[in-house]
Amino acid sequence: DRSIDIDSLTFFTLNKRTQLSELDKMLLPLEVGNSVGLLSEA
């Protein structure tokens, strides 16, 4: 959707270099009532 305001979104990077200790914070939005989307490259 071209109307999406990309700059208003928050992105967490998850790749082969991401430490397991960093994963918990990526799900913090769920704890306060916000949905999270998980996307792969393809």
ModelCIF file with pLDDT and N, C-alpha, C, O atoms, coordinates in Angstrom:
data_MODEL
#
_entry.id   MODEL 
#
_entity.id                         1 
_entity.type                       polymer 
_entity.pdbx_number_of_molecules   1 
#
_entity_poly.entity_id                      1 
_entity_poly.type                           'polypeptide(L)' 
_entity_poly.nstd_linkage                   no 
_entity_poly.nstd_monomer                   no 
_entity_poly.pdbx_seq_one_letter_code       DRSIDIDSLTFFTLNKRTQLSELDKMLLPLEVGNSVGLLSEA 
_entity_poly.pdbx_seq_one_letter_code_can   DRSIDIDSLTFFTLNKRTQLSELDKMLLPLEVGNSVGLLSEA 
_entity_poly.pdbx_strand_id                 A 
#
loop_
_entity_poly_seq.entity_id 
_entity_poly_seq.num 
_entity_poly_seq.mon_id 
_entity_poly_seq.hetero 
1 1  ASP n 
1 2  ARG n 
1 3  SER n 
1 4  ILE n 
1 5  ASP n 
1 6  ILE n 
1 7  ASP n 
1 8  SER n 
1 9  LEU n 
1 10 THR n 
1 11 PHE n 
1 12 PHE n 
1 13 THR n 
1 14 LEU n 
1 15 ASN n 
1 16 LYS n 
1 17 ARG n 
1 18 THR n 
1 19 GLN n 
1 20 LEU n 
1 21 SER n 
1 22 GLU n 
1 23 LEU n 
1 24 ASP n 
1 25 LYS n 
1 26 MET n 
1 27 LEU n 
1 28 LEU n 
1 29 PRO n 
1 30 LEU n 
1 31 GLU n 
1 32 VAL n 
1 33 GLY n 
1 34 ASN n 
1 35 SER n 
1 36 VAL n 
1 37 GLY n 
1 38 LEU n 
1 39 LEU n 
1 40 SER n 
1 41 GLU n 
1 42 ALA n 
#
_struct_asym.id          A 
_struct_asym.entity_id   1 
#
loop_
_ma_qa_metric.id 
_ma_qa_metric.mode 
_ma_qa_metric.name 
_ma_qa_metric.software_group_id 
_ma_qa_metric.type 
1 global pLDDT . pLDDT 
2 local  pLDDT . pLDDT 
#
_ma_qa_metric_global.metric_id      1 
_ma_qa_metric_global.metric_value   91.12 
_ma_qa_metric_global.model_id       1 
_ma_qa_metric_global.ordinal_id     1 
#
loop_
_ma_qa_metric_local.label_asym_id 
_ma_qa_metric_local.label_comp_id 
_ma_qa_metric_local.label_seq_id 
_ma_qa_metric_local.metric_id 
_ma_qa_metric_local.metric_value 
_ma_qa_metric_local.model_id 
_ma_qa_metric_local.ordinal_id 
A ASP 1  2 90.00 1 1  
A ARG 2  2 90.00 1 2  
A SER 3  2 89.00 1 3  
A ILE 4  2 92.00 1 4  
A ASP 5  2 90.00 1 5  
A ILE 6  2 93.00 1 6  
A ASP 7  2 91.00 1 7  
A SER 8  2 94.00 1 8  
A LEU 9  2 95.00 1 9  
A THR 10 2 96.00 1 10 
A PHE 11 2 96.00 1 11 
A PHE 12 2 95.00 1 12 
A THR 13 2 92.00 1 13 
A LEU 14 2 90.00 1 14 
A ASN 15 2 84.00 1 15 
A LYS 16 2 79.00 1 16 
A ARG 17 2 82.00 1 17 
A THR 18 2 83.00 1 18 
A GLN 19 2 82.00 1 19 
A LEU 20 2 80.00 1 20 
A SER 21 2 83.00 1 21 
A GLU 22 2 86.00 1 22 
A LEU 23 2 90.00 1 23 
A ASP 24 2 88.00 1 24 
A LYS 25 2 92.00 1 25 
A MET 26 2 95.00 1 26 
A LEU 27 2 95.00 1 27 
A LEU 28 2 95.00 1 28 
A PRO 29 2 97.00 1 29 
A LEU 30 2 96.00 1 30 
A GLU 31 2 94.00 1 31 
A VAL 32 2 95.00 1 32 
A GLY 33 2 95.00 1 33 
A ASN 34 2 97.00 1 34 
A SER 35 2 97.00 1 35 
A VAL 36 2 97.00 1 36 
A GLY 37 2 97.00 1 37 
A LEU 38 2 97.00 1 38 
A LEU 39 2 94.00 1 39 
A SER 40 2 87.00 1 40 
A GLU 41 2 88.00 1 41 
A ALA 42 2 89.00 1 42 
#
loop_
_atom_site.group_PDB 
_atom_site.id 
_atom_site.type_symbol 
_atom_site.label_atom_id 
_atom_site.label_alt_id 
_atom_site.label_comp_id 
_atom_site.label_asym_id 
_atom_site.label_entity_id 
_atom_site.label_seq_id 
_atom_site.pdbx_PDB_ins_code 
_atom_site.Cartn_x 
_atom_site.Cartn_y 
_atom_site.Cartn_z 
_atom_site.occupancy 
_atom_site.B_iso_or_equiv 
_atom_site.pdbx_formal_charge 
_atom_site.auth_seq_id 
_atom_site.auth_comp_id 
_atom_site.auth_asym_id 
_atom_site.auth_atom_id 
_atom_site.pdbx_PDB_model_num 
ATOM 1   N N  . ASP A 1 1  ? 0.856  -1.197  0.000  1.00 90.00 ? 1  ASP A N  1 
ATOM 2   C CA . ASP A 1 1  ? 0.000  0.000   0.000  1.00 90.00 ? 1  ASP A CA 1 
ATOM 3   C C  . ASP A 1 1  ? 0.889  1.244   0.000  1.00 90.00 ? 1  ASP A C  1 
ATOM 4   O O  . ASP A 1 1  ? 1.614  1.493   0.964  1.00 90.00 ? 1  ASP A O  1 
ATOM 5   N N  . ARG A 1 2  ? 0.834  2.008   -1.061 1.00 90.00 ? 2  ARG A N  1 
ATOM 6   C CA . ARG A 1 2  ? 1.685  3.193   -1.186 1.00 90.00 ? 2  ARG A CA 1 
ATOM 7   C C  . ARG A 1 2  ? 1.377  4.257   -0.141 1.00 90.00 ? 2  ARG A C  1 
ATOM 8   O O  . ARG A 1 2  ? 2.198  5.139   0.112  1.00 90.00 ? 2  ARG A O  1 
ATOM 9   N N  . SER A 1 3  ? 0.189  4.177   0.467  1.00 89.00 ? 3  SER A N  1 
ATOM 10  C CA . SER A 1 3  ? -0.194 5.196   1.455  1.00 89.00 ? 3  SER A CA 1 
ATOM 11  C C  . SER A 1 3  ? 0.429  4.947   2.832  1.00 89.00 ? 3  SER A C  1 
ATOM 12  O O  . SER A 1 3  ? 0.315  5.791   3.721  1.00 89.00 ? 3  SER A O  1 
ATOM 13  N N  . ILE A 1 4  ? 1.084  3.801   3.016  1.00 92.00 ? 4  ILE A N  1 
ATOM 14  C CA . ILE A 1 4  ? 1.685  3.489   4.315  1.00 92.00 ? 4  ILE A CA 1 
ATOM 15  C C  . ILE A 1 4  ? 2.769  4.513   4.642  1.00 92.00 ? 4  ILE A C  1 
ATOM 16  O O  . ILE A 1 4  ? 3.650  4.783   3.826  1.00 92.00 ? 4  ILE A O  1 
ATOM 17  N N  . ASP A 1 5  ? 2.690  5.080   5.847  1.00 90.00 ? 5  ASP A N  1 
ATOM 18  C CA . ASP A 1 5  ? 3.714  6.025   6.311  1.00 90.00 ? 5  ASP A CA 1 
ATOM 19  C C  . ASP A 1 5  ? 4.865  5.211   6.905  1.00 90.00 ? 5  ASP A C  1 
ATOM 20  O O  . ASP A 1 5  ? 4.863  4.882   8.091  1.00 90.00 ? 5  ASP A O  1 
ATOM 21  N N  . ILE A 1 6  ? 5.839  4.897   6.064  1.00 93.00 ? 6  ILE A N  1 
ATOM 22  C CA . ILE A 1 6  ? 6.948  4.038   6.465  1.00 93.00 ? 6  ILE A CA 1 
ATOM 23  C C  . ILE A 1 6  ? 7.710  4.609   7.657  1.00 93.00 ? 6  ILE A C  1 
ATOM 24  O O  . ILE A 1 6  ? 8.144  3.867   8.538  1.00 93.00 ? 6  ILE A O  1 
ATOM 25  N N  . ASP A 1 7  ? 7.867  5.916   7.679  1.00 91.00 ? 7  ASP A N  1 
ATOM 26  C CA . ASP A 1 7  ? 8.664  6.554   8.739  1.00 91.00 ? 7  ASP A CA 1 
ATOM 27  C C  . ASP A 1 7  ? 8.004  6.470   10.111 1.00 91.00 ? 7  ASP A C  1 
ATOM 28  O O  . ASP A 1 7  ? 8.653  6.706   11.130 1.00 91.00 ? 7  ASP A O  1 
ATOM 29  N N  . SER A 1 8  ? 6.718  6.133   10.138 1.00 94.00 ? 8  SER A N  1 
ATOM 30  C CA . SER A 1 8  ? 6.018  6.019   11.426 1.00 94.00 ? 8  SER A CA 1 
ATOM 31  C C  . SER A 1 8  ? 6.125  4.604   11.997 1.00 94.00 ? 8  SER A C  1 
ATOM 32  O O  . SER A 1 8  ? 5.659  4.342   13.105 1.00 94.00 ? 8  SER A O  1 
ATOM 33  N N  . LEU A 1 9  ? 6.734  3.704   11.245 1.00 95.00 ? 9  LEU A N  1 
ATOM 34  C CA . LEU A 1 9  ? 6.846  2.317   11.671 1.00 95.00 ? 9  LEU A CA 1 
ATOM 35  C C  . LEU A 1 9  ? 8.161  2.069   12.407 1.00 95.00 ? 9  LEU A C  1 
ATOM 36  O O  . LEU A 1 9  ? 9.146  2.781   12.209 1.00 95.00 ? 9  LEU A O  1 
ATOM 37  N N  . THR A 1 10 ? 8.156  1.047   13.258 1.00 96.00 ? 10 THR A N  1 
ATOM 38  C CA . THR A 1 10 ? 9.371  0.640   13.969 1.00 96.00 ? 10 THR A CA 1 
ATOM 39  C C  . THR A 1 10 ? 9.816  -0.712  13.440 1.00 96.00 ? 10 THR A C  1 
ATOM 40  O O  . THR A 1 10 ? 9.027  -1.653  13.353 1.00 96.00 ? 10 THR A O  1 
ATOM 41  N N  . PHE A 1 11 ? 11.104 -0.795  13.084 1.00 96.00 ? 11 PHE A N  1 
ATOM 42  C CA . PHE A 1 11 ? 11.653 -2.046  12.544 1.00 96.00 ? 11 PHE A CA 1 
ATOM 43  C C  . PHE A 1 11 ? 12.719 -2.612  13.468 1.00 96.00 ? 11 PHE A C  1 
ATOM 44  O O  . PHE A 1 11 ? 13.608 -1.898  13.932 1.00 96.00 ? 11 PHE A O  1 
ATOM 45  N N  . PHE A 1 12 ? 12.611 -3.910  13.723 1.00 95.00 ? 12 PHE A N  1 
ATOM 46  C CA . PHE A 1 12 ? 13.649 -4.643  14.451 1.00 95.00 ? 12 PHE A CA 1 
ATOM 47  C C  . PHE A 1 12 ? 14.331 -5.568  13.445 1.00 95.00 ? 12 PHE A C  1 
ATOM 48  O O  . PHE A 1 12 ? 13.655 -6.290  12.712 1.00 95.00 ? 12 PHE A O  1 
ATOM 49  N N  . THR A 1 13 ? 15.648 -5.553  13.404 1.00 92.00 ? 13 THR A N  1 
ATOM 50  C CA . THR A 1 13 ? 16.367 -6.387  12.451 1.00 92.00 ? 13 THR A CA 1 
ATOM 51  C C  . THR A 1 13 ? 16.706 -7.747  13.049 1.00 92.00 ? 13 THR A C  1 
ATOM 52  O O  . THR A 1 13 ? 17.309 -7.841  14.118 1.00 92.00 ? 13 THR A O  1 
ATOM 53  N N  . LEU A 1 14 ? 16.309 -8.789  12.342 1.00 90.00 ? 14 LEU A N  1 
ATOM 54  C CA . LEU A 1 14 ? 16.594 -10.163 12.765 1.00 90.00 ? 14 LEU A CA 1 
ATOM 55  C C  . LEU A 1 14 ? 17.261 -10.896 11.607 1.00 90.00 ? 14 LEU A C  1 
ATOM 56  O O  . LEU A 1 14 ? 16.628 -11.167 10.587 1.00 90.00 ? 14 LEU A O  1 
ATOM 57  N N  . ASN A 1 15 ? 18.536 -11.215 11.769 1.00 84.00 ? 15 ASN A N  1 
ATOM 58  C CA . ASN A 1 15 ? 19.251 -11.973 10.750 1.00 84.00 ? 15 ASN A CA 1 
ATOM 59  C C  . ASN A 1 15 ? 20.229 -12.930 11.438 1.00 84.00 ? 15 ASN A C  1 
ATOM 60  O O  . ASN A 1 15 ? 20.151 -13.139 12.648 1.00 84.00 ? 15 ASN A O  1 
ATOM 61  N N  . LYS A 1 16 ? 21.131 -13.498 10.677 1.00 79.00 ? 16 LYS A N  1 
ATOM 62  C CA . LYS A 1 16 ? 22.051 -14.489 11.234 1.00 79.00 ? 16 LYS A CA 1 
ATOM 63  C C  . LYS A 1 16 ? 22.986 -13.910 12.288 1.00 79.00 ? 16 LYS A C  1 
ATOM 64  O O  . LYS A 1 16 ? 23.529 -14.642 13.115 1.00 79.00 ? 16 LYS A O  1 
ATOM 65  N N  . ARG A 1 17 ? 23.169 -12.602 12.257 1.00 82.00 ? 17 ARG A N  1 
ATOM 66  C CA . ARG A 1 17 ? 24.088 -11.959 13.212 1.00 82.00 ? 17 ARG A CA 1 
ATOM 67  C C  . ARG A 1 17 ? 23.393 -11.498 14.494 1.00 82.00 ? 17 ARG A C  1 
ATOM 68  O O  . ARG A 1 17 ? 24.058 -11.067 15.437 1.00 82.00 ? 17 ARG A O  1 
ATOM 69  N N  . THR A 1 18 ? 22.071 -11.586 14.536 1.00 83.00 ? 18 THR A N  1 
ATOM 70  C CA . THR A 1 18 ? 21.325 -11.141 15.714 1.00 83.00 ? 18 THR A CA 1 
ATOM 71  C C  . THR A 1 18 ? 21.536 -12.102 16.884 1.00 83.00 ? 18 THR A C  1 
ATOM 72  O O  . THR A 1 18 ? 21.433 -13.319 16.732 1.00 83.00 ? 18 THR A O  1 
ATOM 73  N N  . GLN A 1 19 ? 21.833 -11.535 18.049 1.00 82.00 ? 19 GLN A N  1 
ATOM 74  C CA . GLN A 1 19 ? 22.030 -12.345 19.249 1.00 82.00 ? 19 GLN A CA 1 
ATOM 75  C C  . GLN A 1 19 ? 20.685 -12.774 19.832 1.00 82.00 ? 19 GLN A C  1 
ATOM 76  O O  . GLN A 1 19 ? 19.715 -12.018 19.787 1.00 82.00 ? 19 GLN A O  1 
ATOM 77  N N  . LEU A 1 20 ? 20.632 -13.985 20.375 1.00 80.00 ? 20 LEU A N  1 
ATOM 78  C CA . LEU A 1 20 ? 19.396 -14.478 20.978 1.00 80.00 ? 20 LEU A CA 1 
ATOM 79  C C  . LEU A 1 20 ? 18.904 -13.569 22.094 1.00 80.00 ? 20 LEU A C  1 
ATOM 80  O O  . LEU A 1 20 ? 17.702 -13.464 22.334 1.00 80.00 ? 20 LEU A O  1 
ATOM 81  N N  . SER A 1 21 ? 19.838 -12.913 22.772 1.00 83.00 ? 21 SER A N  1 
ATOM 82  C CA . SER A 1 21 ? 19.475 -12.024 23.877 1.00 83.00 ? 21 SER A CA 1 
ATOM 83  C C  . SER A 1 21 ? 18.698 -10.797 23.407 1.00 83.00 ? 21 SER A C  1 
ATOM 84  O O  . SER A 1 21 ? 18.068 -10.116 24.216 1.00 83.00 ? 21 SER A O  1 
ATOM 85  N N  . GLU A 1 22 ? 18.738 -10.513 22.104 1.00 86.00 ? 22 GLU A N  1 
ATOM 86  C CA . GLU A 1 22 ? 18.048 -9.342  21.556 1.00 86.00 ? 22 GLU A CA 1 
ATOM 87  C C  . GLU A 1 22 ? 16.593 -9.629  21.184 1.00 86.00 ? 22 GLU A C  1 
ATOM 88  O O  . GLU A 1 22 ? 15.823 -8.701  20.937 1.00 86.00 ? 22 GLU A O  1 
ATOM 89  N N  . LEU A 1 23 ? 16.216 -10.894 21.143 1.00 90.00 ? 23 LEU A N  1 
ATOM 90  C CA . LEU A 1 23 ? 14.904 -11.264 20.616 1.00 90.00 ? 23 LEU A CA 1 
ATOM 91  C C  . LEU A 1 23 ? 13.748 -10.867 21.520 1.00 90.00 ? 23 LEU A C  1 
ATOM 92  O O  . LEU A 1 23 ? 12.682 -10.494 21.031 1.00 90.00 ? 23 LEU A O  1 
ATOM 93  N N  . ASP A 1 24 ? 13.945 -10.942 22.829 1.00 88.00 ? 24 ASP A N  1 
ATOM 94  C CA . ASP A 1 24 ? 12.857 -10.630 23.760 1.00 88.00 ? 24 ASP A CA 1 
ATOM 95  C C  . ASP A 1 24 ? 12.318 -9.215  23.567 1.00 88.00 ? 24 ASP A C  1 
ATOM 96  O O  . ASP A 1 24 ? 11.108 -8.995  23.625 1.00 88.00 ? 24 ASP A O  1 
ATOM 97  N N  . LYS A 1 25 ? 13.213 -8.259  23.339 1.00 92.00 ? 25 LYS A N  1 
ATOM 98  C CA . LYS A 1 25 ? 12.772 -6.862  23.216 1.00 92.00 ? 25 LYS A CA 1 
ATOM 99  C C  . LYS A 1 25 ? 11.936 -6.635  21.960 1.00 92.00 ? 25 LYS A C  1 
ATOM 100 O O  . LYS A 1 25 ? 11.137 -5.701  21.899 1.00 92.00 ? 25 LYS A O  1 
ATOM 101 N N  . MET A 1 26 ? 12.126 -7.500  20.953 1.00 95.00 ? 26 MET A N  1 
ATOM 102 C CA . MET A 1 26 ? 11.349 -7.363  19.731 1.00 95.00 ? 26 MET A CA 1 
ATOM 103 C C  . MET A 1 26 ? 9.868  -7.671  19.946 1.00 95.00 ? 26 MET A C  1 
ATOM 104 O O  . MET A 1 26 ? 9.015  -7.247  19.166 1.00 95.00 ? 26 MET A O  1 
ATOM 105 N N  . LEU A 1 27 ? 9.577  -8.409  21.008 1.00 95.00 ? 27 LEU A N  1 
ATOM 106 C CA . LEU A 1 27 ? 8.189  -8.771  21.308 1.00 95.00 ? 27 LEU A CA 1 
ATOM 107 C C  . LEU A 1 27 ? 7.566  -7.889  22.389 1.00 95.00 ? 27 LEU A C  1 
ATOM 108 O O  . LEU A 1 27 ? 6.417  -8.099  22.776 1.00 95.00 ? 27 LEU A O  1 
ATOM 109 N N  . LEU A 1 28 ? 8.325  -6.898  22.878 1.00 95.00 ? 28 LEU A N  1 
ATOM 110 C CA . LEU A 1 28 ? 7.802  -6.003  23.915 1.00 95.00 ? 28 LEU A CA 1 
ATOM 111 C C  . LEU A 1 28 ? 6.507  -5.303  23.507 1.00 95.00 ? 28 LEU A C  1 
ATOM 112 O O  . LEU A 1 28 ? 5.630  -5.134  24.354 1.00 95.00 ? 28 LEU A O  1 
ATOM 113 N N  . PRO A 1 29 ? 6.343  -4.885  22.237 1.00 97.00 ? 29 PRO A N  1 
ATOM 114 C CA . PRO A 1 29 ? 5.072  -4.244  21.860 1.00 97.00 ? 29 PRO A CA 1 
ATOM 115 C C  . PRO A 1 29 ? 3.852  -5.109  22.157 1.00 97.00 ? 29 PRO A C  1 
ATOM 116 O O  . PRO A 1 29 ? 2.787  -4.578  22.471 1.00 97.00 ? 29 PRO A O  1 
ATOM 117 N N  . LEU A 1 30 ? 3.985  -6.423  22.066 1.00 96.00 ? 30 LEU A N  1 
ATOM 118 C CA . LEU A 1 30 ? 2.864  -7.319  22.345 1.00 96.00 ? 30 LEU A CA 1 
ATOM 119 C C  . LEU A 1 30 ? 2.418  -7.219  23.794 1.00 96.00 ? 30 LEU A C  1 
ATOM 120 O O  . LEU A 1 30 ? 1.234  -7.364  24.101 1.00 96.00 ? 30 LEU A O  1 
ATOM 121 N N  . GLU A 1 31 ? 3.368  -6.972  24.680 1.00 94.00 ? 31 GLU A N  1 
ATOM 122 C CA . GLU A 1 31 ? 3.049  -6.907  26.104 1.00 94.00 ? 31 GLU A CA 1 
ATOM 123 C C  . GLU A 1 31 ? 2.201  -5.690  26.466 1.00 94.00 ? 31 GLU A C  1 
ATOM 124 O O  . GLU A 1 31 ? 1.548  -5.665  27.509 1.00 94.00 ? 31 GLU A O  1 
ATOM 125 N N  . VAL A 1 32 ? 2.218  -4.684  25.596 1.00 95.00 ? 32 VAL A N  1 
ATOM 126 C CA . VAL A 1 32 ? 1.421  -3.469  25.870 1.00 95.00 ? 32 VAL A CA 1 
ATOM 127 C C  . VAL A 1 32 ? 0.290  -3.307  24.864 1.00 95.00 ? 32 VAL A C  1 
ATOM 128 O O  . VAL A 1 32 ? -0.252 -2.214  24.703 1.00 95.00 ? 32 VAL A O  1 
ATOM 129 N N  . GLY A 1 33 ? -0.062 -4.392  24.191 1.00 95.00 ? 33 GLY A N  1 
ATOM 130 C CA . GLY A 1 33 ? -1.245 -4.370  23.340 1.00 95.00 ? 33 GLY A CA 1 
ATOM 131 C C  . GLY A 1 33 ? -1.046 -3.996  21.888 1.00 95.00 ? 33 GLY A C  1 
ATOM 132 O O  . GLY A 1 33 ? -2.008 -3.630  21.213 1.00 95.00 ? 33 GLY A O  1 
ATOM 133 N N  . ASN A 1 34 ? 0.179  -4.079  21.389 1.00 97.00 ? 34 ASN A N  1 
ATOM 134 C CA . ASN A 1 34 ? 0.439  -3.763  19.985 1.00 97.00 ? 34 ASN A CA 1 
ATOM 135 C C  . ASN A 1 34 ? 0.844  -5.020  19.218 1.00 97.00 ? 34 ASN A C  1 
ATOM 136 O O  . ASN A 1 34 ? 1.680  -5.797  19.678 1.00 97.00 ? 34 ASN A O  1 
ATOM 137 N N  . SER A 1 35 ? 0.251  -5.206  18.062 1.00 97.00 ? 35 SER A N  1 
ATOM 138 C CA . SER A 1 35 ? 0.614  -6.351  17.236 1.00 97.00 ? 35 SER A CA 1 
ATOM 139 C C  . SER A 1 35 ? 1.990  -6.160  16.623 1.00 97.00 ? 35 SER A C  1 
ATOM 140 O O  . SER A 1 35 ? 2.461  -5.035  16.456 1.00 97.00 ? 35 SER A O  1 
ATOM 141 N N  . VAL A 1 36 ? 2.628  -7.277  16.289 1.00 97.00 ? 36 VAL A N  1 
ATOM 142 C CA . VAL A 1 36 ? 3.945  -7.262  15.660 1.00 97.00 ? 36 VAL A CA 1 
ATOM 143 C C  . VAL A 1 36 ? 3.884  -8.130  14.412 1.00 97.00 ? 36 VAL A C  1 
ATOM 144 O O  . VAL A 1 36 ? 3.275  -9.200  14.419 1.00 97.00 ? 36 VAL A O  1 
ATOM 145 N N  . GLY A 1 37 ? 4.524  -7.660  13.334 1.00 97.00 ? 37 GLY A N  1 
ATOM 146 C CA . GLY A 1 37 ? 4.576  -8.430  12.099 1.00 97.00 ? 37 GLY A CA 1 
ATOM 147 C C  . GLY A 1 37 ? 5.971  -8.994  11.881 1.00 97.00 ? 37 GLY A C  1 
ATOM 148 O O  . GLY A 1 37 ? 6.959  -8.280  12.055 1.00 97.00 ? 37 GLY A O  1 
ATOM 149 N N  . LEU A 1 38 ? 6.067  -10.251 11.507 1.00 97.00 ? 38 LEU A N  1 
ATOM 150 C CA . LEU A 1 38 ? 7.348  -10.887 11.215 1.00 97.00 ? 38 LEU A CA 1 
ATOM 151 C C  . LEU A 1 38 ? 7.430  -11.163 9.720  1.00 97.00 ? 38 LEU A C  1 
ATOM 152 O O  . LEU A 1 38 ? 6.588  -11.873 9.168  1.00 97.00 ? 38 LEU A O  1 
ATOM 153 N N  . LEU A 1 39 ? 8.459  -10.594 9.053  1.00 94.00 ? 39 LEU A N  1 
ATOM 154 C CA . LEU A 1 39 ? 8.662  -10.777 7.620  1.00 94.00 ? 39 LEU A CA 1 
ATOM 155 C C  . LEU A 1 39 ? 10.017 -11.406 7.352  1.00 94.00 ? 39 LEU A C  1 
ATOM 156 O O  . LEU A 1 39 ? 11.002 -11.075 8.012  1.00 94.00 ? 39 LEU A O  1 
ATOM 157 N N  . SER A 1 40 ? 10.070 -12.311 6.386  1.00 87.00 ? 40 SER A N  1 
ATOM 158 C CA . SER A 1 40 ? 11.361 -12.817 5.925  1.00 87.00 ? 40 SER A CA 1 
ATOM 159 C C  . SER A 1 40 ? 11.716 -12.075 4.650  1.00 87.00 ? 40 SER A C  1 
ATOM 160 O O  . SER A 1 40 ? 10.957 -11.211 4.211  1.00 87.00 ? 40 SER A O  1 
ATOM 161 N N  . GLU A 1 41 ? 12.859 -12.396 4.043  1.00 88.00 ? 41 GLU A N  1 
ATOM 162 C CA . GLU A 1 41 ? 13.256 -11.750 2.800  1.00 88.00 ? 41 GLU A CA 1 
ATOM 163 C C  . GLU A 1 41 ? 12.371 -12.194 1.638  1.00 88.00 ? 41 GLU A C  1 
ATOM 164 O O  . GLU A 1 41 ? 12.096 -11.414 0.727  1.00 88.00 ? 41 GLU A O  1 
ATOM 165 N N  . ALA A 1 42 ? 11.934 -13.426 1.674  1.00 89.00 ? 42 ALA A N  1 
ATOM 166 C CA . ALA A 1 42 ? 11.086 -13.963 0.616  1.00 89.00 ? 42 ALA A CA 1 
ATOM 167 C C  . ALA A 1 42 ? 10.346 -15.182 1.142  1.00 89.00 ? 42 ALA A C  1 
ATOM 168 O O  . ALA A 1 42 ? 9.570  -15.796 0.410  1.00 89.00 ? 42 ALA A O  1 
#
